[in-house]
Amino acid sequence: MAISLTGLRCLVEIVEAKLNISAASQALHLSQPCVSRHLKQVEDALGFRVFARRGRSLVDITPAGQEAIAVARRVVRDVDGLRGFAANQREEVGGELAIAAPQTYALHVLPPLLGQLRERYPGLSVSLLTLGEGEQVRPADHRRSDVVIASTAGDEVPEGLAIPLFHWSRVVIVPLGHPLAEQGAPISLAQLGRWPLVTYEASRRPESSLCRVLAAAGLRPDFACSAHDADTLKAYARAGLGVGLVAELSLGPADREALAVLPVDPALPHCTAWAVLPEGRVLRNQTLDLIRLLAPQLDAADLRRASQGMVPERWPEAPFYA
């Protein structure tokens, strides 16, 4: 009996889903009976069990199954790479571009760039997974996406093949009548510690750059409200729930008319936007062009070499977002 590529994908996805067939079927957009049938066909063709079972539940990976899954990962990756290479050779103008990005980028950075990309590739279909700012990206999201856009603060670098795109700063937002609204100097750390804060959910973590900087200054933040996206934070700041601390790139002209936008103490480090590419995958033309729209300072040849494992010693200096 032949082993199908779909069967191998099912093996890989079941492992990614921590042996949960229902979760694997959702990720694959297949029915649960279909995934179970593919699993049985693969195991029948191999002549051994890939997974140990307790009743109908998968509870572990057998020793032989570990080897089979390692091979399945390589085959799936190589086939996907071959398809990407073929699409580039054909100069394909369609296909799907899968992006995982925080909602701030999805709403305020990507729309005009994706419009330009669609002009170059009229048949392109964009699939967008929106994340919270600072939210941890699961390995499966990296594997399913052509590119993951992520943010870090200070000198932090995301795991994987991470390419710096641009820097951005956090700013304070308050209603126009707020006591801080007319302040000329940047908002100090002491003021951030004194006022209730409305900011990203990730900033509440003790290891966040905000908490670390305030703690180093002997200050403790008072989180009045937090959310994963800047639009919710802007609404709550306008409602007077507290002093908003958001990404500058999340603010449009209407926000700047309705709110006072204030710089913050430079002791709070700036952030960097990164493109994180899946390991070992051929860089498709559409993905390459999107990265260069986000960061024109990057060289296309350097990006292609990096996707093949030849990462430059140093990427060009990333500019600040304009």
C-alpha atoms as a PDB file:
ATOM      1  CA  MET A   1       0.000   0.000   0.000  1.00  0.00           C
ATOM      2  CA  ALA A   2       1.339   3.438  -0.976  1.00  0.00           C
ATOM      3  CA  ILE A   3       1.806   6.172   1.607  1.00  0.00           C
ATOM      4  CA  SER A   4       0.115   9.421   0.613  1.00  0.00           C
ATOM      5  CA  LEU A   5       1.452  12.920   1.245  1.00  0.00           C
ATOM      6  CA  THR A   6      -1.819  13.710   3.042  1.00  0.00           C
ATOM      7  CA  GLY A   7      -1.186  10.766   5.345  1.00  0.00           C
ATOM      8  CA  LEU A   8       2.270  12.108   6.184  1.00  0.00           C
ATOM      9  CA  ARG A   9       0.810  15.556   6.829  1.00  0.00           C
ATOM     10  CA  CYS A  10      -1.676  13.934   9.203  1.00  0.00           C
ATOM     11  CA  LEU A  11       1.169  12.286  11.136  1.00  0.00           C
ATOM     12  CA  VAL A  12       2.992  15.593  11.513  1.00  0.00           C
ATOM     13  CA  GLU A  13      -0.129  17.510  12.493  1.00  0.00           C
ATOM     14  CA  ILE A  14      -1.195  14.923  15.081  1.00  0.00           C
ATOM     15  CA  VAL A  15       2.174  15.375  16.797  1.00  0.00           C
ATOM     16  CA  GLU A  16       1.866  19.183  16.615  1.00  0.00           C
ATOM     17  CA  ALA A  17      -1.603  18.869  18.178  1.00  0.00           C
ATOM     18  CA  LYS A  18      -0.154  16.846  21.091  1.00  0.00           C
ATOM     19  CA  LEU A  19      -1.768  13.613  19.843  1.00  0.00           C
ATOM     20  CA  ASN A  20      -5.230  15.186  19.703  1.00  0.00           C
ATOM     21  CA  ILE A  21      -6.837  13.970  16.473  1.00  0.00           C
ATOM     22  CA  SER A  22      -9.725  16.415  16.766  1.00  0.00           C
ATOM     23  CA  ALA A  23      -7.356  19.396  16.981  1.00  0.00           C
ATOM     24  CA  ALA A  24      -5.249  17.983  14.115  1.00  0.00           C
ATOM     25  CA  SER A  25      -8.322  17.600  11.923  1.00  0.00           C
ATOM     26  CA  GLN A  26      -9.287  21.241  12.524  1.00  0.00           C
ATOM     27  CA  ALA A  27      -5.789  22.421  11.609  1.00  0.00           C
ATOM     28  CA  LEU A  28      -5.848  20.330   8.423  1.00  0.00           C
ATOM     29  CA  HIS A  29      -9.431  21.325   7.545  1.00  0.00           C
ATOM     30  CA  LEU A  30     -10.363  17.645   7.384  1.00  0.00           C
ATOM     31  CA  SER A  31     -12.981  15.668   9.278  1.00  0.00           C
ATOM     32  CA  GLN A  32     -11.852  13.672  12.281  1.00  0.00           C
ATOM     33  CA  PRO A  33     -12.813  10.323  10.641  1.00  0.00           C
ATOM     34  CA  CYS A  34     -10.790  11.322   7.586  1.00  0.00           C
ATOM     35  CA  VAL A  35      -7.645  11.986   9.667  1.00  0.00           C
ATOM     36  CA  SER A  36      -8.142   8.706  11.546  1.00  0.00           C
ATOM     37  CA  ARG A  37      -8.510   6.875   8.221  1.00  0.00           C
ATOM     38  CA  HIS A  38      -5.286   8.411   6.860  1.00  0.00           C
ATOM     39  CA  LEU A  39      -3.474   7.469  10.066  1.00  0.00           C
ATOM     40  CA  LYS A  40      -4.636   3.861   9.738  1.00  0.00           C
ATOM     41  CA  GLN A  41      -3.559   3.740   6.098  1.00  0.00           C
ATOM     42  CA  VAL A  42      -0.076   5.011   6.960  1.00  0.00           C
ATOM     43  CA  GLU A  43       0.335   2.558   9.823  1.00  0.00           C
ATOM     44  CA  ASP A  44      -0.925  -0.314   7.646  1.00  0.00           C
ATOM     45  CA  ALA A  45       1.554   0.620   4.911  1.00  0.00           C
ATOM     46  CA  LEU A  46       4.428   0.878   7.391  1.00  0.00           C
ATOM     47  CA  GLY A  47       3.516  -2.332   9.136  1.00  0.00           C
ATOM     48  CA  PHE A  48       3.864  -0.916  12.654  1.00  0.00           C
ATOM     49  CA  ARG A  49       2.101   1.450  15.030  1.00  0.00           C
ATOM     50  CA  VAL A  50       3.295   5.067  14.972  1.00  0.00           C
ATOM     51  CA  PHE A  51       1.282   5.911  18.089  1.00  0.00           C
ATOM     52  CA  ALA A  52       0.574   3.938  21.245  1.00  0.00           C
ATOM     53  CA  ARG A  53      -3.079   3.875  22.226  1.00  0.00           C
ATOM     54  CA  ARG A  54      -5.254   3.572  25.269  1.00  0.00           C
ATOM     55  CA  GLY A  55      -8.695   2.686  24.010  1.00  0.00           C
ATOM     56  CA  ARG A  56      -9.381   5.084  21.157  1.00  0.00           C
ATOM     57  CA  SER A  57      -6.996   7.761  22.456  1.00  0.00           C
ATOM     58  CA  LEU A  58      -3.421   8.270  21.297  1.00  0.00           C
ATOM     59  CA  VAL A  59      -1.198   8.416  24.370  1.00  0.00           C
ATOM     60  CA  ASP A  60       2.395   8.283  23.103  1.00  0.00           C
ATOM     61  CA  ILE A  61       4.686   7.905  20.091  1.00  0.00           C
ATOM     62  CA  THR A  62       6.289   4.516  19.652  1.00  0.00           C
ATOM     63  CA  PRO A  63      10.100   4.276  19.164  1.00  0.00           C
ATOM     64  CA  ALA A  64       9.604   3.294  15.521  1.00  0.00           C
ATOM     65  CA  GLY A  65       7.005   6.064  15.245  1.00  0.00           C
ATOM     66  CA  GLN A  66       9.608   8.664  16.271  1.00  0.00           C
ATOM     67  CA  GLU A  67      11.703   7.699  13.262  1.00  0.00           C
ATOM     68  CA  ALA A  68       8.694   7.669  10.953  1.00  0.00           C
ATOM     69  CA  ILE A  69       7.608  11.131  12.074  1.00  0.00           C
ATOM     70  CA  ALA A  70      11.114  12.545  11.540  1.00  0.00           C
ATOM     71  CA  VAL A  71      11.009  11.231   7.970  1.00  0.00           C
ATOM     72  CA  ALA A  72       7.453  12.542   7.477  1.00  0.00           C
ATOM     73  CA  ARG A  73       8.553  16.029   8.534  1.00  0.00           C
ATOM     74  CA  ARG A  74      11.406  15.986   6.030  1.00  0.00           C
ATOM     75  CA  VAL A  75       9.190  14.731   3.197  1.00  0.00           C
ATOM     76  CA  VAL A  76       6.455  17.312   3.851  1.00  0.00           C
ATOM     77  CA  ARG A  77       9.048  20.106   4.101  1.00  0.00           C
ATOM     78  CA  ASP A  78      10.831  19.008   0.929  1.00  0.00           C
ATOM     79  CA  VAL A  79       7.600  18.686  -1.064  1.00  0.00           C
ATOM     80  CA  ASP A  80       6.478  22.129   0.082  1.00  0.00           C
ATOM     81  CA  GLY A  81       9.906  23.469  -0.880  1.00  0.00           C
ATOM     82  CA  LEU A  82       9.672  21.877  -4.306  1.00  0.00           C
ATOM     83  CA  ARG A  83       6.253  23.427  -4.844  1.00  0.00           C
ATOM     84  CA  GLY A  84       7.602  26.828  -3.817  1.00  0.00           C
ATOM     85  CA  PHE A  85      10.554  26.470  -6.178  1.00  0.00           C
ATOM     86  CA  ALA A  86       8.254  25.459  -9.033  1.00  0.00           C
ATOM     87  CA  ALA A  87       5.943  28.410  -8.352  1.00  0.00           C
ATOM     88  CA  ASN A  88       8.926  30.786  -8.499  1.00  0.00           C
ATOM     89  CA  GLN A  89      10.136  29.221 -11.769  1.00  0.00           C
ATOM     90  CA  ARG A  90       6.680  29.630 -13.296  1.00  0.00           C
ATOM     91  CA  GLU A  91       6.544  33.212 -11.961  1.00  0.00           C
ATOM     92  CA  GLU A  92       3.183  32.289 -10.535  1.00  0.00           C
ATOM     93  CA  VAL A  93       0.851  35.249  -9.942  1.00  0.00           C
ATOM     94  CA  GLY A  94      -1.596  33.354  -7.754  1.00  0.00           C
ATOM     95  CA  GLY A  95      -1.437  30.964  -4.859  1.00  0.00           C
ATOM     96  CA  GLU A  96      -1.903  31.641  -1.158  1.00  0.00           C
ATOM     97  CA  LEU A  97       0.234  33.789   1.098  1.00  0.00           C
ATOM     98  CA  ALA A  98      -0.185  32.855   4.763  1.00  0.00           C
ATOM     99  CA  ILE A  99       0.797  35.574   7.247  1.00  0.00           C
ATOM    100  CA  ALA A 100       0.704  35.543  11.037  1.00  0.00           C
ATOM    101  CA  ALA A 101       0.936  39.032  12.531  1.00  0.00           C
ATOM    102  CA  PRO A 102      -0.202  41.081  15.534  1.00  0.00           C
ATOM    103  CA  GLN A 103      -3.455  42.917  14.955  1.00  0.00           C
ATOM    104  CA  THR A 104      -1.640  46.255  15.011  1.00  0.00           C
ATOM    105  CA  TYR A 105       0.294  45.281  11.878  1.00  0.00           C
ATOM    106  CA  ALA A 106      -2.737  43.627  10.301  1.00  0.00           C
ATOM    107  CA  LEU A 107      -4.821  46.799  10.640  1.00  0.00           C
ATOM    108  CA  HIS A 108      -2.315  49.638  10.346  1.00  0.00           C
ATOM    109  CA  VAL A 109       0.761  48.444   8.418  1.00  0.00           C
ATOM    110  CA  LEU A 110      -0.131  45.630   6.038  1.00  0.00           C
ATOM    111  CA  PRO A 111      -3.273  46.848   4.169  1.00  0.00           C
ATOM    112  CA  PRO A 112      -1.580  49.246   1.691  1.00  0.00           C
ATOM    113  CA  LEU A 113       1.342  46.862   1.198  1.00  0.00           C
ATOM    114  CA  LEU A 114      -0.939  43.912   0.489  1.00  0.00           C
ATOM    115  CA  GLY A 115      -2.767  46.130  -1.989  1.00  0.00           C
ATOM    116  CA  GLN A 116       0.524  46.698  -3.830  1.00  0.00           C
ATOM    117  CA  LEU A 117       1.296  42.985  -3.650  1.00  0.00           C
ATOM    118  CA  ARG A 118      -2.061  42.106  -5.202  1.00  0.00           C
ATOM    119  CA  GLU A 119      -1.270  44.452  -8.089  1.00  0.00           C
ATOM    120  CA  ARG A 120       1.891  42.437  -8.759  1.00  0.00           C
ATOM    121  CA  TYR A 121       0.177  39.073  -8.198  1.00  0.00           C
ATOM    122  CA  PRO A 122      -3.486  39.480  -9.243  1.00  0.00           C
ATOM    123  CA  GLY A 123      -4.429  35.912  -8.337  1.00  0.00           C
ATOM    124  CA  LEU A 124      -2.909  36.049  -4.873  1.00  0.00           C
ATOM    125  CA  SER A 125      -5.062  34.957  -1.913  1.00  0.00           C
ATOM    126  CA  VAL A 126      -3.905  36.224   1.479  1.00  0.00           C
ATOM    127  CA  SER A 127      -4.627  34.219   4.625  1.00  0.00           C
ATOM    128  CA  LEU A 128      -4.038  36.261   7.776  1.00  0.00           C
ATOM    129  CA  LEU A 129      -3.771  34.896  11.318  1.00  0.00           C
ATOM    130  CA  THR A 130      -4.014  37.818  13.738  1.00  0.00           C
ATOM    131  CA  LEU A 131      -2.109  37.706  17.005  1.00  0.00           C
ATOM    132  CA  GLY A 132      -2.044  39.836  20.135  1.00  0.00           C
ATOM    133  CA  GLU A 133       0.898  42.227  20.486  1.00  0.00           C
ATOM    134  CA  GLY A 134       3.629  40.288  22.276  1.00  0.00           C
ATOM    135  CA  GLU A 135       1.698  37.007  22.034  1.00  0.00           C
ATOM    136  CA  GLN A 136       3.837  33.894  21.791  1.00  0.00           C
ATOM    137  CA  VAL A 137       3.624  32.238  18.372  1.00  0.00           C
ATOM    138  CA  ARG A 138       3.199  28.461  18.470  1.00  0.00           C
ATOM    139  CA  PRO A 139       5.582  26.308  16.415  1.00  0.00           C
ATOM    140  CA  ALA A 140       2.608  25.106  14.363  1.00  0.00           C
ATOM    141  CA  ASP A 141       1.776  28.730  13.433  1.00  0.00           C
ATOM    142  CA  HIS A 142       5.348  29.183  12.170  1.00  0.00           C
ATOM    143  CA  ARG A 143       5.073  26.018  10.123  1.00  0.00           C
ATOM    144  CA  ARG A 144       1.723  26.936   8.562  1.00  0.00           C
ATOM    145  CA  SER A 145       2.717  30.530   7.746  1.00  0.00           C
ATOM    146  CA  ASP A 146       4.907  31.796   4.930  1.00  0.00           C
ATOM    147  CA  VAL A 147       6.008  34.596   7.234  1.00  0.00           C
ATOM    148  CA  VAL A 148       5.378  35.531  10.863  1.00  0.00           C
ATOM    149  CA  ILE A 149       5.649  39.193  11.829  1.00  0.00           C
ATOM    150  CA  ALA A 150       6.650  39.672  15.458  1.00  0.00           C
ATOM    151  CA  SER A 151       7.743  42.455  17.803  1.00  0.00           C
ATOM    152  CA  THR A 152      10.407  42.510  20.469  1.00  0.00           C
ATOM    153  CA  ALA A 153      11.663  45.231  22.796  1.00  0.00           C
ATOM    154  CA  GLY A 154      15.253  46.341  23.188  1.00  0.00           C
ATOM    155  CA  ASP A 155      17.870  43.816  22.111  1.00  0.00           C
ATOM    156  CA  GLU A 156      15.574  40.775  22.142  1.00  0.00           C
ATOM    157  CA  VAL A 157      15.490  38.654  18.987  1.00  0.00           C
ATOM    158  CA  PRO A 158      12.739  36.124  18.156  1.00  0.00           C
ATOM    159  CA  GLU A 159      13.625  32.462  17.829  1.00  0.00           C
ATOM    160  CA  GLY A 160      14.130  31.114  14.340  1.00  0.00           C
ATOM    161  CA  LEU A 161      15.185  32.816  11.109  1.00  0.00           C
ATOM    162  CA  ALA A 162      14.395  36.402  12.188  1.00  0.00           C
ATOM    163  CA  ILE A 163      14.984  39.365   9.882  1.00  0.00           C
ATOM    164  CA  PRO A 164      14.794  42.932  11.307  1.00  0.00           C
ATOM    165  CA  LEU A 165      12.330  45.125   9.403  1.00  0.00           C
ATOM    166  CA  PHE A 166      12.030  48.440  11.263  1.00  0.00           C
ATOM    167  CA  HIS A 167      11.999  49.960  14.745  1.00  0.00           C
ATOM    168  CA  TRP A 168       9.043  51.609  16.439  1.00  0.00           C
ATOM    169  CA  SER A 169       8.381  53.339  19.739  1.00  0.00           C
ATOM    170  CA  ARG A 170       5.641  53.207  22.311  1.00  0.00           C
ATOM    171  CA  VAL A 171       3.710  56.400  23.011  1.00  0.00           C
ATOM    172  CA  VAL A 172       1.344  57.582  25.718  1.00  0.00           C
ATOM    173  CA  ILE A 173      -2.217  58.480  24.758  1.00  0.00           C
ATOM    174  CA  VAL A 174      -4.679  60.386  26.961  1.00  0.00           C
ATOM    175  CA  PRO A 175      -7.904  62.346  26.361  1.00  0.00           C
ATOM    176  CA  LEU A 176      -7.346  65.966  25.361  1.00  0.00           C
ATOM    177  CA  GLY A 177      -8.530  67.216  28.756  1.00  0.00           C
ATOM    178  CA  HIS A 178      -6.247  64.943  30.770  1.00  0.00           C
ATOM    179  CA  PRO A 179      -3.698  66.590  33.148  1.00  0.00           C
ATOM    180  CA  LEU A 180      -0.842  65.094  31.114  1.00  0.00           C
ATOM    181  CA  ALA A 181      -2.179  66.304  27.758  1.00  0.00           C
ATOM    182  CA  GLU A 182      -0.312  69.614  27.720  1.00  0.00           C
ATOM    183  CA  GLN A 183       3.000  68.298  29.052  1.00  0.00           C
ATOM    184  CA  GLY A 184       5.850  69.225  26.752  1.00  0.00           C
ATOM    185  CA  ALA A 185       8.485  66.794  28.041  1.00  0.00           C
ATOM    186  CA  PRO A 186       8.313  63.010  27.549  1.00  0.00           C
ATOM    187  CA  ILE A 187       6.217  61.139  30.107  1.00  0.00           C
ATOM    188  CA  SER A 188       8.635  59.954  32.801  1.00  0.00           C
ATOM    189  CA  LEU A 189       8.860  56.493  34.304  1.00  0.00           C
ATOM    190  CA  ALA A 190       7.667  57.975  37.601  1.00  0.00           C
ATOM    191  CA  GLN A 191       4.511  59.209  35.877  1.00  0.00           C
ATOM    192  CA  LEU A 192       3.956  55.807  34.262  1.00  0.00           C
ATOM    193  CA  GLY A 193       4.183  54.283  37.722  1.00  0.00           C
ATOM    194  CA  ARG A 194       1.858  56.867  39.241  1.00  0.00           C
ATOM    195  CA  TRP A 195      -1.047  56.696  36.775  1.00  0.00           C
ATOM    196  CA  PRO A 196      -3.262  53.659  36.090  1.00  0.00           C
ATOM    197  CA  LEU A 197      -2.165  52.128  32.785  1.00  0.00           C
ATOM    198  CA  VAL A 198      -4.103  50.866  29.774  1.00  0.00           C
ATOM    199  CA  THR A 199      -1.732  48.750  27.706  1.00  0.00           C
ATOM    200  CA  TYR A 200      -1.064  45.408  26.037  1.00  0.00           C
ATOM    201  CA  GLU A 201      -1.774  42.153  27.819  1.00  0.00           C
ATOM    202  CA  ALA A 202       1.839  41.069  27.250  1.00  0.00           C
ATOM    203  CA  SER A 203       3.052  44.079  29.251  1.00  0.00           C
ATOM    204  CA  ARG A 204       1.551  42.604  32.406  1.00  0.00           C
ATOM    205  CA  ARG A 205       4.070  39.775  32.391  1.00  0.00           C
ATOM    206  CA  PRO A 206       6.811  40.289  35.003  1.00  0.00           C
ATOM    207  CA  GLU A 207       9.441  39.638  32.317  1.00  0.00           C
ATOM    208  CA  SER A 208       8.043  42.323  29.964  1.00  0.00           C
ATOM    209  CA  SER A 209      10.297  45.271  29.137  1.00  0.00           C
ATOM    210  CA  LEU A 210       7.801  47.662  30.772  1.00  0.00           C
ATOM    211  CA  CYS A 211       7.742  45.780  34.074  1.00  0.00           C
ATOM    212  CA  ARG A 212      11.511  45.303  34.065  1.00  0.00           C
ATOM    213  CA  VAL A 213      12.254  48.990  33.396  1.00  0.00           C
ATOM    214  CA  LEU A 214       9.794  50.174  36.044  1.00  0.00           C
ATOM    215  CA  ALA A 215      11.079  47.643  38.574  1.00  0.00           C
ATOM    216  CA  ALA A 216      14.673  48.814  37.966  1.00  0.00           C
ATOM    217  CA  ALA A 217      13.486  52.341  38.816  1.00  0.00           C
ATOM    218  CA  GLY A 218      11.805  51.088  41.993  1.00  0.00           C
ATOM    219  CA  LEU A 219       8.331  51.502  40.538  1.00  0.00           C
ATOM    220  CA  ARG A 220       5.367  49.152  40.291  1.00  0.00           C
ATOM    221  CA  PRO A 221       2.827  49.555  37.461  1.00  0.00           C
ATOM    222  CA  ASP A 222      -0.877  49.868  38.157  1.00  0.00           C
ATOM    223  CA  PHE A 223      -2.632  48.070  35.301  1.00  0.00           C
ATOM    224  CA  ALA A 224      -6.160  49.436  35.037  1.00  0.00           C
ATOM    225  CA  CYS A 225      -6.938  47.561  31.826  1.00  0.00           C
ATOM    226  CA  SER A 226      -5.139  45.438  29.258  1.00  0.00           C
ATOM    227  CA  ALA A 227      -5.983  43.944  25.875  1.00  0.00           C
ATOM    228  CA  HIS A 228      -4.278  42.198  22.955  1.00  0.00           C
ATOM    229  CA  ASP A 229      -5.010  44.919  20.395  1.00  0.00           C
ATOM    230  CA  ALA A 230      -4.375  48.654  20.206  1.00  0.00           C
ATOM    231  CA  ASP A 231      -7.873  49.606  19.011  1.00  0.00           C
ATOM    232  CA  THR A 232      -9.407  48.336  22.255  1.00  0.00           C
ATOM    233  CA  LEU A 233      -6.734  50.175  24.248  1.00  0.00           C
ATOM    234  CA  LYS A 234      -7.454  53.424  22.397  1.00  0.00           C
ATOM    235  CA  ALA A 235     -11.170  53.112  23.167  1.00  0.00           C
ATOM    236  CA  TYR A 236     -10.487  52.545  26.862  1.00  0.00           C
ATOM    237  CA  ALA A 237      -8.006  55.413  27.022  1.00  0.00           C
ATOM    238  CA  ARG A 238     -10.607  57.720  25.433  1.00  0.00           C
ATOM    239  CA  ALA A 239     -13.111  56.536  28.047  1.00  0.00           C
ATOM    240  CA  GLY A 240     -10.749  57.656  30.807  1.00  0.00           C
ATOM    241  CA  LEU A 241      -9.891  54.236  32.250  1.00  0.00           C
ATOM    242  CA  GLY A 242      -6.226  55.178  32.438  1.00  0.00           C
ATOM    243  CA  VAL A 243      -3.134  56.363  30.613  1.00  0.00           C
ATOM    244  CA  GLY A 244      -2.737  54.435  27.364  1.00  0.00           C
ATOM    245  CA  LEU A 245       0.636  53.018  26.309  1.00  0.00           C
ATOM    246  CA  VAL A 246       0.477  51.785  22.709  1.00  0.00           C
ATOM    247  CA  ALA A 247       2.561  51.285  19.579  1.00  0.00           C
ATOM    248  CA  GLU A 248       3.006  54.519  17.651  1.00  0.00           C
ATOM    249  CA  LEU A 249       2.264  52.672  14.404  1.00  0.00           C
ATOM    250  CA  SER A 250      -1.270  51.916  15.654  1.00  0.00           C
ATOM    251  CA  LEU A 251      -2.254  55.608  15.539  1.00  0.00           C
ATOM    252  CA  GLY A 252      -3.919  57.179  12.530  1.00  0.00           C
ATOM    253  CA  PRO A 253      -4.779  60.849  11.831  1.00  0.00           C
ATOM    254  CA  ALA A 254      -8.195  60.524  13.512  1.00  0.00           C
ATOM    255  CA  ASP A 255      -6.585  59.162  16.685  1.00  0.00           C
ATOM    256  CA  ARG A 256      -4.161  62.060  16.808  1.00  0.00           C
ATOM    257  CA  GLU A 257      -7.051  64.509  16.554  1.00  0.00           C
ATOM    258  CA  ALA A 258      -9.099  62.824  19.307  1.00  0.00           C
ATOM    259  CA  LEU A 259      -6.244  62.053  21.716  1.00  0.00           C
ATOM    260  CA  ALA A 260      -3.107  63.694  23.034  1.00  0.00           C
ATOM    261  CA  VAL A 261      -0.146  61.625  21.843  1.00  0.00           C
ATOM    262  CA  LEU A 262       2.934  62.008  24.021  1.00  0.00           C
ATOM    263  CA  PRO A 263       6.481  60.617  23.846  1.00  0.00           C
ATOM    264  CA  VAL A 264       7.640  58.418  26.680  1.00  0.00           C
ATOM    265  CA  ASP A 265      10.870  58.300  28.693  1.00  0.00           C
ATOM    266  CA  PRO A 266      13.657  56.907  26.422  1.00  0.00           C
ATOM    267  CA  ALA A 267      14.552  54.495  29.249  1.00  0.00           C
ATOM    268  CA  LEU A 268      11.633  52.446  27.922  1.00  0.00           C
ATOM    269  CA  PRO A 269      13.349  50.694  24.991  1.00  0.00           C
ATOM    270  CA  HIS A 270      12.103  50.965  21.446  1.00  0.00           C
ATOM    271  CA  CYS A 271      10.664  47.902  19.741  1.00  0.00           C
ATOM    272  CA  THR A 272      11.667  46.087  16.564  1.00  0.00           C
ATOM    273  CA  ALA A 273       9.427  44.493  13.952  1.00  0.00           C
ATOM    274  CA  TRP A 274      10.767  41.195  12.609  1.00  0.00           C
ATOM    275  CA  ALA A 275       9.902  38.858   9.751  1.00  0.00           C
ATOM    276  CA  VAL A 276      10.380  35.275  10.955  1.00  0.00           C
ATOM    277  CA  LEU A 277      10.608  32.698   8.177  1.00  0.00           C
ATOM    278  CA  PRO A 278       9.938  28.966   8.570  1.00  0.00           C
ATOM    279  CA  GLU A 279      13.104  26.907   8.641  1.00  0.00           C
ATOM    280  CA  GLY A 280      14.091  25.073   5.477  1.00  0.00           C
ATOM    281  CA  ARG A 281      11.359  26.430   3.200  1.00  0.00           C
ATOM    282  CA  VAL A 282      11.946  27.874  -0.251  1.00  0.00           C
ATOM    283  CA  LEU A 283      11.256  31.610  -0.156  1.00  0.00           C
ATOM    284  CA  ARG A 284       8.440  32.263  -2.622  1.00  0.00           C
ATOM    285  CA  ASN A 285       8.487  35.433  -4.708  1.00  0.00           C
ATOM    286  CA  GLN A 286       5.331  36.750  -3.050  1.00  0.00           C
ATOM    287  CA  THR A 287       6.826  36.394   0.431  1.00  0.00           C
ATOM    288  CA  LEU A 288      10.086  37.974  -0.678  1.00  0.00           C
ATOM    289  CA  ASP A 289       8.277  40.967  -2.172  1.00  0.00           C
ATOM    290  CA  LEU A 290       6.174  41.467   0.974  1.00  0.00           C
ATOM    291  CA  ILE A 291       9.301  41.528   3.156  1.00  0.00           C
ATOM    292  CA  ARG A 292      10.945  44.073   0.873  1.00  0.00           C
ATOM    293  CA  LEU A 293       7.796  46.239   0.919  1.00  0.00           C
ATOM    294  CA  LEU A 294       8.034  46.200   4.713  1.00  0.00           C
ATOM    295  CA  ALA A 295      11.797  46.803   4.676  1.00  0.00           C
ATOM    296  CA  PRO A 296      13.138  48.224   1.368  1.00  0.00           C
ATOM    297  CA  GLN A 297      16.673  48.307   2.819  1.00  0.00           C
ATOM    298  CA  LEU A 298      16.885  44.499   2.598  1.00  0.00           C
ATOM    299  CA  ASP A 299      18.547  42.884  -0.414  1.00  0.00           C
ATOM    300  CA  ALA A 300      16.568  40.206  -2.258  1.00  0.00           C
ATOM    301  CA  ALA A 301      19.640  38.023  -2.787  1.00  0.00           C
ATOM    302  CA  ASP A 302      20.482  38.163   0.933  1.00  0.00           C
ATOM    303  CA  LEU A 303      16.939  37.108   1.791  1.00  0.00           C
ATOM    304  CA  ARG A 304      17.057  34.147  -0.604  1.00  0.00           C
ATOM    305  CA  ARG A 305      20.428  33.020   0.748  1.00  0.00           C
ATOM    306  CA  ALA A 306      19.173  33.343   4.332  1.00  0.00           C
ATOM    307  CA  SER A 307      16.159  31.147   3.553  1.00  0.00           C
ATOM    308  CA  GLN A 308      18.638  28.493   2.370  1.00  0.00           C
ATOM    309  CA  GLY A 309      20.615  28.628   5.621  1.00  0.00           C
ATOM    310  CA  MET A 310      23.266  31.209   4.601  1.00  0.00           C
ATOM    311  CA  VAL A 311      22.329  34.033   6.959  1.00  0.00           C
ATOM    312  CA  PRO A 312      24.372  37.257   6.633  1.00  0.00           C
ATOM    313  CA  GLU A 313      26.651  38.110   9.544  1.00  0.00           C
ATOM    314  CA  ARG A 314      24.751  41.363   9.871  1.00  0.00           C
ATOM    315  CA  TRP A 315      21.527  42.654   8.375  1.00  0.00           C
ATOM    316  CA  PRO A 316      21.282  46.306   7.247  1.00  0.00           C
ATOM    317  CA  GLU A 317      20.407  48.732  10.026  1.00  0.00           C
ATOM    318  CA  ALA A 318      16.624  48.842  10.406  1.00  0.00           C
ATOM    319  CA  PRO A 319      15.100  52.337  10.137  1.00  0.00           C
ATOM    320  CA  PHE A 320      12.465  53.771  12.446  1.00  0.00           C
ATOM    321  CA  TYR A 321       8.894  53.430  11.230  1.00  0.00           C
ATOM    322  CA  ALA A 322       7.625  56.490   9.394  1.00  0.00           C
END
